[in-house]
Structure formats: C-alpha cells, structure tokens
C-alpha cells in the first residue's frame, strides 16, 4: 500500500495556504472597492468572508463571553460573529444585535433559527441612540462597524452608558475608507468615558479592548501593543490576549 511521503504532502499544504491567502486578499480588495456606509444588504455575501487579523478566536479572547451574560453586538452584518458568540452565552445568556437595516437583522435571525439558536434578540436602532437601559450589558462589540456610524463619539458614549461597570467593549476595525484609526479611537474613547486598554494587530486591521473609566478590568497584557507586535517599553512581544487578565479585580482607569 502506497503512503504519500512528507515531501509529497508539502505541495498540497503550500497550495492550501496559497488559496487561503488569495481568499483573504480577495476579501480585502472587495471590501475596499464596494465599500459604502452602511454596507448594503445587496452585497451581503461579501460579509461572510473573514477578514485578516479579525478572527473570531481573537474576538472571543478579548470579549471573554461566559454563559449567562448579556452581550451587545452593533452591526452584526450577516451574523459572522453573532452566530458563533451566542452559543457561548448558553441558554440563559442573551445576545442583542442592533442594526439600522432590517434586512440584516432578518438574515441573522434566519441563520439562527436554522441552527436552533433562540438567544439572539434583534433591535432596529441607531447606535448613537441605543434603546436600552443604563448598565445592562456585560460586554459589547463592533467589528468593521464603528467607522460606518455617522456620529462615532455619540455611539461610544451610548456604548459606555449601556455597559455595566467593569464591562468590556471590543472594537474591530479594518482598513477601508471609513476606518477609525487607533489614535482617533483613543481620542474619541477618552471623551466618551472609555479607556483604551490594548490594541492587537496592525493598524490596518486591529482589535481594541476598551472599558468604562470608572471600573476597568486589568489589561489582558502588560502594555499596549504597537503595530509591530511589541509592547511599548518592553524588549519583546506582549503576552497573548488572555495573559494577565483578572476581571475580578477592577480598578479606576486614568481617562
């Protein structure tokens, strides 16, 4: 019986990585060329393509969803993140999704029904005027959405308002014409009463972890990561998103 050698498997592996890289590049180019705000439902198939550096795994490491929590997603698109995050909250948890396009919300709900998910709750609303009470969410996240909101400062103020003390806010931004650059995010966050705790990934495609200024969890790394992947004031790479995170020890943040 013939067994393929390690050498014969190498071209297959190389081909797989090449195709994956090509798919990521295609997604990036398509995102830029067809970009508009808000992203139209007519082009919703492009929203199913994962973007470089903005992986679900990295989102979960920063968001830290646990069963029983209530989490908010603004701009769910077709549910690329929502359909993976909701199951992590368990049957007693709840994922609220907010969008200005009813078609997007309907699309996510159809996908959720097909998967038997009953814990995703849609709301048609503007992120700058969230129809929720103060301090009701354990965490919130937006992936390639913040830059599409006309009033970014108002949206961040609203997200700060609806978060519980010590809650987490994760912002994912990809390089397009609406991207909020890390420096601008830090400036807007400060004004909204949010503290930028860490940035992961290059400036062209990054995740940022923020928290309310009053009570902020310890950062998931010992310093803010720069675009080169090294910590400011350190000689090498910062620990991963989980390193050093202790949610049980909130502290006041210098905003």
Protein backbone atom coordinates (compact mmCIF):
# COMPACT_ATOMS: atom_id res chain seq x y z
CA UNK A 1 0.00 0.00 0.00
CA UNK A 2 1.42 3.36 -1.00
CA UNK A 3 1.74 6.07 1.66
CA UNK A 4 2.44 9.60 0.47
CA UNK A 5 5.75 10.87 1.76
CA UNK A 6 6.15 14.07 3.76
CA UNK A 7 7.74 15.61 0.68
CA UNK A 8 4.68 14.87 -1.46
CA UNK A 9 2.39 16.43 1.14
CA UNK A 10 4.30 19.71 1.18
CA UNK A 11 2.98 20.98 -2.17
CA UNK A 12 -0.58 20.29 -1.01
CA UNK A 13 -0.04 22.25 2.18
CA UNK A 14 1.56 25.09 0.24
CA UNK A 15 -1.38 25.11 -2.16
CA UNK A 16 -3.86 25.27 0.73
CA UNK A 17 -2.04 28.23 2.30
CA UNK A 18 -1.82 29.95 -1.07
CA UNK A 19 -5.56 29.58 -1.62
CA UNK A 20 -6.30 30.83 1.90
CA UNK A 21 -4.08 33.85 1.32
CA UNK A 22 -5.72 34.53 -2.02
CA UNK A 23 -9.18 34.36 -0.43
CA UNK A 24 -8.14 36.82 2.26
CA UNK A 25 -6.68 39.18 -0.33
CA UNK A 26 -9.83 38.92 -2.45
CA UNK A 27 -11.96 39.75 0.57
CA UNK A 28 -9.82 42.75 1.37
CA UNK A 29 -9.95 44.11 -2.19
CA UNK A 30 -13.69 43.51 -2.49
CA UNK A 31 -14.28 45.25 0.82
CA UNK A 32 -12.39 48.32 -0.36
CA UNK A 33 -13.85 48.53 -3.86
CA UNK A 34 -17.50 48.03 -2.88
CA UNK A 35 -17.29 49.83 0.45
CA UNK A 36 -20.15 52.11 1.50
CA UNK A 37 -21.75 53.06 4.78
CA UNK A 38 -23.77 51.32 5.95
CA UNK A 39 -22.75 48.26 3.99
CA UNK A 40 -25.73 47.46 1.70
CA UNK A 41 -27.59 44.21 2.14
CA UNK A 42 -27.46 43.64 -1.62
CA UNK A 43 -23.77 42.82 -1.18
CA UNK A 44 -24.23 40.76 1.96
CA UNK A 45 -22.36 37.72 0.63
CA UNK A 46 -19.08 39.60 0.98
CA UNK A 47 -19.76 39.95 4.70
CA UNK A 48 -19.42 36.18 5.09
CA UNK A 49 -15.74 36.38 4.16
CA UNK A 50 -13.44 36.52 7.20
CA UNK A 51 -11.02 39.45 7.23
CA UNK A 52 -7.31 39.16 8.02
CA UNK A 53 -6.43 39.59 11.73
CA UNK A 54 -10.09 40.00 12.76
CA UNK A 55 -10.67 36.36 13.68
CA UNK A 56 -13.45 35.02 15.87
CA UNK A 57 -10.84 33.41 18.11
CA UNK A 58 -9.19 36.75 18.83
CA UNK A 59 -12.56 38.39 19.40
CA UNK A 60 -13.51 35.77 21.96
CA UNK A 61 -10.21 36.11 23.78
CA UNK A 62 -10.82 39.82 24.25
CA UNK A 63 -14.57 39.67 24.84
CA UNK A 64 -14.39 36.69 27.25
CA UNK A 65 -18.07 35.65 26.89
CA UNK A 66 -19.36 33.26 29.54
CA UNK A 67 -22.73 31.51 30.00
CA UNK A 68 -25.45 33.69 31.45
CA UNK A 69 -24.07 37.01 30.23
CA UNK A 70 -25.95 39.60 28.23
CA UNK A 71 -23.84 40.85 25.32
CA UNK A 72 -24.46 43.50 22.66
CA UNK A 73 -23.29 43.48 19.06
CA UNK A 74 -23.71 46.59 16.94
CA UNK A 75 -23.73 45.98 13.20
CA UNK A 76 -23.94 42.18 13.03
CA UNK A 77 -23.99 42.05 9.24
CA UNK A 78 -24.93 38.51 8.21
CA UNK A 79 -24.04 37.05 11.61
CA UNK A 80 -20.42 36.06 11.06
CA UNK A 81 -19.63 36.82 14.72
CA UNK A 82 -23.12 36.64 16.24
CA UNK A 83 -23.76 33.03 15.28
CA UNK A 84 -20.51 31.99 16.95
CA UNK A 85 -20.79 34.21 20.01
CA UNK A 86 -24.39 33.46 21.01
CA UNK A 87 -23.77 29.74 21.77
CA UNK A 88 -21.01 30.74 24.20
CA UNK A 89 -23.57 32.58 26.33
CA UNK A 90 -25.59 29.43 26.98
CA UNK A 91 -29.38 29.06 27.19
CA UNK A 92 -29.64 31.62 30.00
CA UNK A 93 -27.50 34.18 28.21
CA UNK A 94 -28.59 36.66 25.58
CA UNK A 95 -27.01 38.34 22.57
CA UNK A 96 -28.67 41.56 21.49
CA UNK A 97 -27.90 42.63 17.93
CA UNK A 98 -28.50 46.18 16.70
CA UNK A 99 -28.52 47.35 13.10
CA UNK A 100 -30.03 50.16 11.05
CA UNK A 101 -31.01 47.70 8.30
CA UNK A 102 -33.92 45.37 9.00
CA UNK A 103 -32.74 43.05 6.21
CA UNK A 104 -29.50 42.39 8.07
CA UNK A 105 -31.35 41.57 11.28
CA UNK A 106 -33.76 39.28 9.43
CA UNK A 107 -30.84 37.50 7.77
CA UNK A 108 -29.15 36.79 11.10
CA UNK A 109 -32.39 35.55 12.62
CA UNK A 110 -32.97 33.14 9.73
CA UNK A 111 -29.50 31.72 10.21
CA UNK A 112 -30.04 31.50 13.97
CA UNK A 113 -33.33 29.66 13.52
CA UNK A 114 -31.67 27.20 11.17
CA UNK A 115 -29.09 26.46 13.87
CA UNK A 116 -31.61 26.26 16.67
CA UNK A 117 -30.36 29.42 18.40
CA UNK A 118 -33.06 31.17 20.41
CA UNK A 119 -30.93 33.63 22.39
CA UNK A 120 -30.30 36.27 19.71
CA UNK A 121 -32.58 39.30 20.08
CA UNK A 122 -32.69 41.83 17.19
CA UNK A 123 -33.31 45.57 17.55
CA UNK A 124 -33.65 48.05 14.71
CA UNK A 125 -31.91 51.15 16.00
CA UNK A 126 -29.15 53.71 15.53
CA UNK A 127 -26.01 53.12 17.55
CA UNK A 128 -25.94 56.77 18.58
CA UNK A 129 -29.31 56.31 20.33
CA UNK A 130 -29.39 52.82 21.81
CA UNK A 131 -32.85 51.90 23.16
CA UNK A 132 -31.52 50.13 26.26
CA UNK A 133 -31.39 50.96 29.94
CA UNK A 134 -28.15 52.07 31.53
CA UNK A 135 -25.68 49.43 32.69
CA UNK A 136 -27.37 46.29 31.34
CA UNK A 137 -24.64 44.66 29.21
CA UNK A 138 -21.70 42.64 30.45
CA UNK A 139 -19.85 43.38 27.22
CA UNK A 140 -20.31 44.75 23.73
CA UNK A 141 -18.51 44.53 20.42
CA UNK A 142 -18.44 46.02 16.92
CA UNK A 143 -16.48 44.51 14.03
CA UNK A 144 -15.90 46.76 10.98
CA UNK A 145 -18.86 48.85 12.12
CA UNK A 146 -17.72 51.84 14.17
CA UNK A 147 -16.36 53.74 11.18
CA UNK A 148 -19.69 53.37 9.36
CA UNK A 149 -21.58 55.17 12.13
CA UNK A 150 -22.02 58.86 11.24
CA UNK A 151 -21.55 60.05 14.84
CA UNK A 152 -18.72 57.97 16.32
CA UNK A 153 -18.43 59.97 19.57
CA UNK A 154 -22.17 59.60 20.25
CA UNK A 155 -22.02 55.87 19.59
CA UNK A 156 -19.13 55.42 22.02
CA UNK A 157 -20.97 57.45 24.67
CA UNK A 158 -24.00 55.23 24.25
CA UNK A 159 -21.92 52.06 24.46
CA UNK A 160 -20.31 53.40 27.62
CA UNK A 161 -23.75 54.10 29.07
CA UNK A 162 -25.23 50.65 28.46
CA UNK A 163 -22.18 48.74 29.73
CA UNK A 164 -22.05 47.54 33.30
CA UNK A 165 -19.21 48.87 35.49
CA UNK A 166 -16.17 46.80 34.62
CA UNK A 167 -17.72 45.73 31.31
CA UNK A 168 -15.74 45.14 28.13
CA UNK A 169 -16.01 46.83 24.77
CA UNK A 170 -14.19 45.29 21.79
CA UNK A 171 -13.83 47.29 18.59
CA UNK A 172 -12.55 45.65 15.40
CA UNK A 173 -11.59 47.93 12.51
CA UNK A 174 -10.39 47.06 9.01
CA UNK A 175 -8.63 49.36 6.57
CA UNK A 176 -11.26 50.96 4.39
CA UNK A 177 -12.45 54.48 3.74
CA UNK A 178 -14.40 54.57 7.00
CA UNK A 179 -11.84 53.03 9.32
CA UNK A 180 -11.36 54.64 12.71
CA UNK A 181 -7.61 54.69 13.23
CA UNK A 182 -6.26 53.61 16.64
CA UNK A 183 -5.20 57.15 17.60
CA UNK A 184 -8.62 58.54 16.72
CA UNK A 185 -10.31 55.72 18.64
CA UNK A 186 -8.27 56.53 21.74
CA UNK A 187 -9.21 60.20 21.48
CA UNK A 188 -12.94 59.51 20.99
CA UNK A 189 -12.92 56.88 23.74
CA UNK A 190 -11.36 59.24 26.26
CA UNK A 191 -14.02 61.84 25.56
CA UNK A 192 -16.76 59.20 25.94
CA UNK A 193 -15.53 57.97 29.33
CA UNK A 194 -13.87 54.85 27.97
CA UNK A 195 -10.28 53.78 28.47
CA UNK A 196 -8.35 52.13 25.65
CA UNK A 197 -6.67 49.19 27.36
CA UNK A 198 -4.93 47.45 24.47
CA UNK A 199 -4.68 47.22 20.70
CA UNK A 200 -3.99 43.93 18.90
CA UNK A 201 -2.90 43.59 15.31
CA UNK A 202 -1.51 46.08 12.79
CA UNK A 203 -3.20 49.48 12.30
CA UNK A 204 -4.73 48.26 9.04
CA UNK A 205 -6.75 45.52 10.79
CA UNK A 206 -6.87 45.66 14.56
CA UNK A 207 -8.92 44.78 17.60
CA UNK A 208 -9.07 47.22 20.51
CA UNK A 209 -10.17 46.48 24.06
CA UNK A 210 -11.87 49.29 25.97
CA UNK A 211 -13.63 49.58 29.30
CA UNK A 212 -15.53 52.24 31.26
CA UNK A 213 -13.25 54.64 33.08
CA UNK A 214 -14.88 54.18 36.49
CA UNK A 215 -14.07 50.48 36.95
CA UNK A 216 -11.77 48.87 34.46
CA UNK A 217 -10.55 45.25 34.44
CA UNK A 218 -6.81 44.71 34.48
CA UNK A 219 -5.44 44.73 30.92
CA UNK A 220 -5.04 41.43 29.08
CA UNK A 221 -1.38 42.25 28.56
CA UNK A 222 1.23 44.23 30.42
CA UNK A 223 1.33 47.07 27.94
CA UNK A 224 -0.30 48.49 24.86
CA UNK A 225 0.76 46.58 21.79
CA UNK A 226 2.18 48.59 18.95
CA UNK A 227 1.65 47.88 15.27
CA UNK A 228 4.91 45.93 15.15
CA UNK A 229 3.60 43.49 17.77
CA UNK A 230 5.88 44.66 20.58
CA UNK A 231 4.89 46.32 23.81
CA UNK A 232 5.76 49.89 24.48
CA UNK A 233 8.53 49.97 26.99
CA UNK A 234 9.42 46.29 26.56
CA UNK A 235 12.05 44.44 24.59
CA UNK A 236 9.83 41.74 23.11
CA UNK A 237 6.29 40.77 22.13
CA UNK A 238 3.49 41.26 24.60
CA UNK A 239 1.69 38.22 26.03
CA UNK A 240 -1.42 36.93 24.30
CA UNK A 241 -4.86 38.45 24.91
CA UNK A 242 -5.53 36.14 27.85
CA UNK A 243 -2.32 36.82 29.71
CA UNK A 244 -2.69 38.71 32.98
CA UNK A 245 -6.42 39.35 32.65
CA UNK A 246 -8.21 39.36 36.01
CA UNK A 247 -11.80 40.52 35.70
CA UNK A 248 -12.37 40.10 39.42
CA UNK A 249 -10.03 42.99 40.25
CA UNK A 250 -11.43 46.10 38.59
CA UNK A 251 -9.66 49.39 39.14
CA UNK A 252 -10.10 53.03 38.28
CA UNK A 253 -8.59 53.96 34.94
CA UNK A 254 -6.84 57.25 34.11
CA UNK A 255 -9.09 58.76 31.45
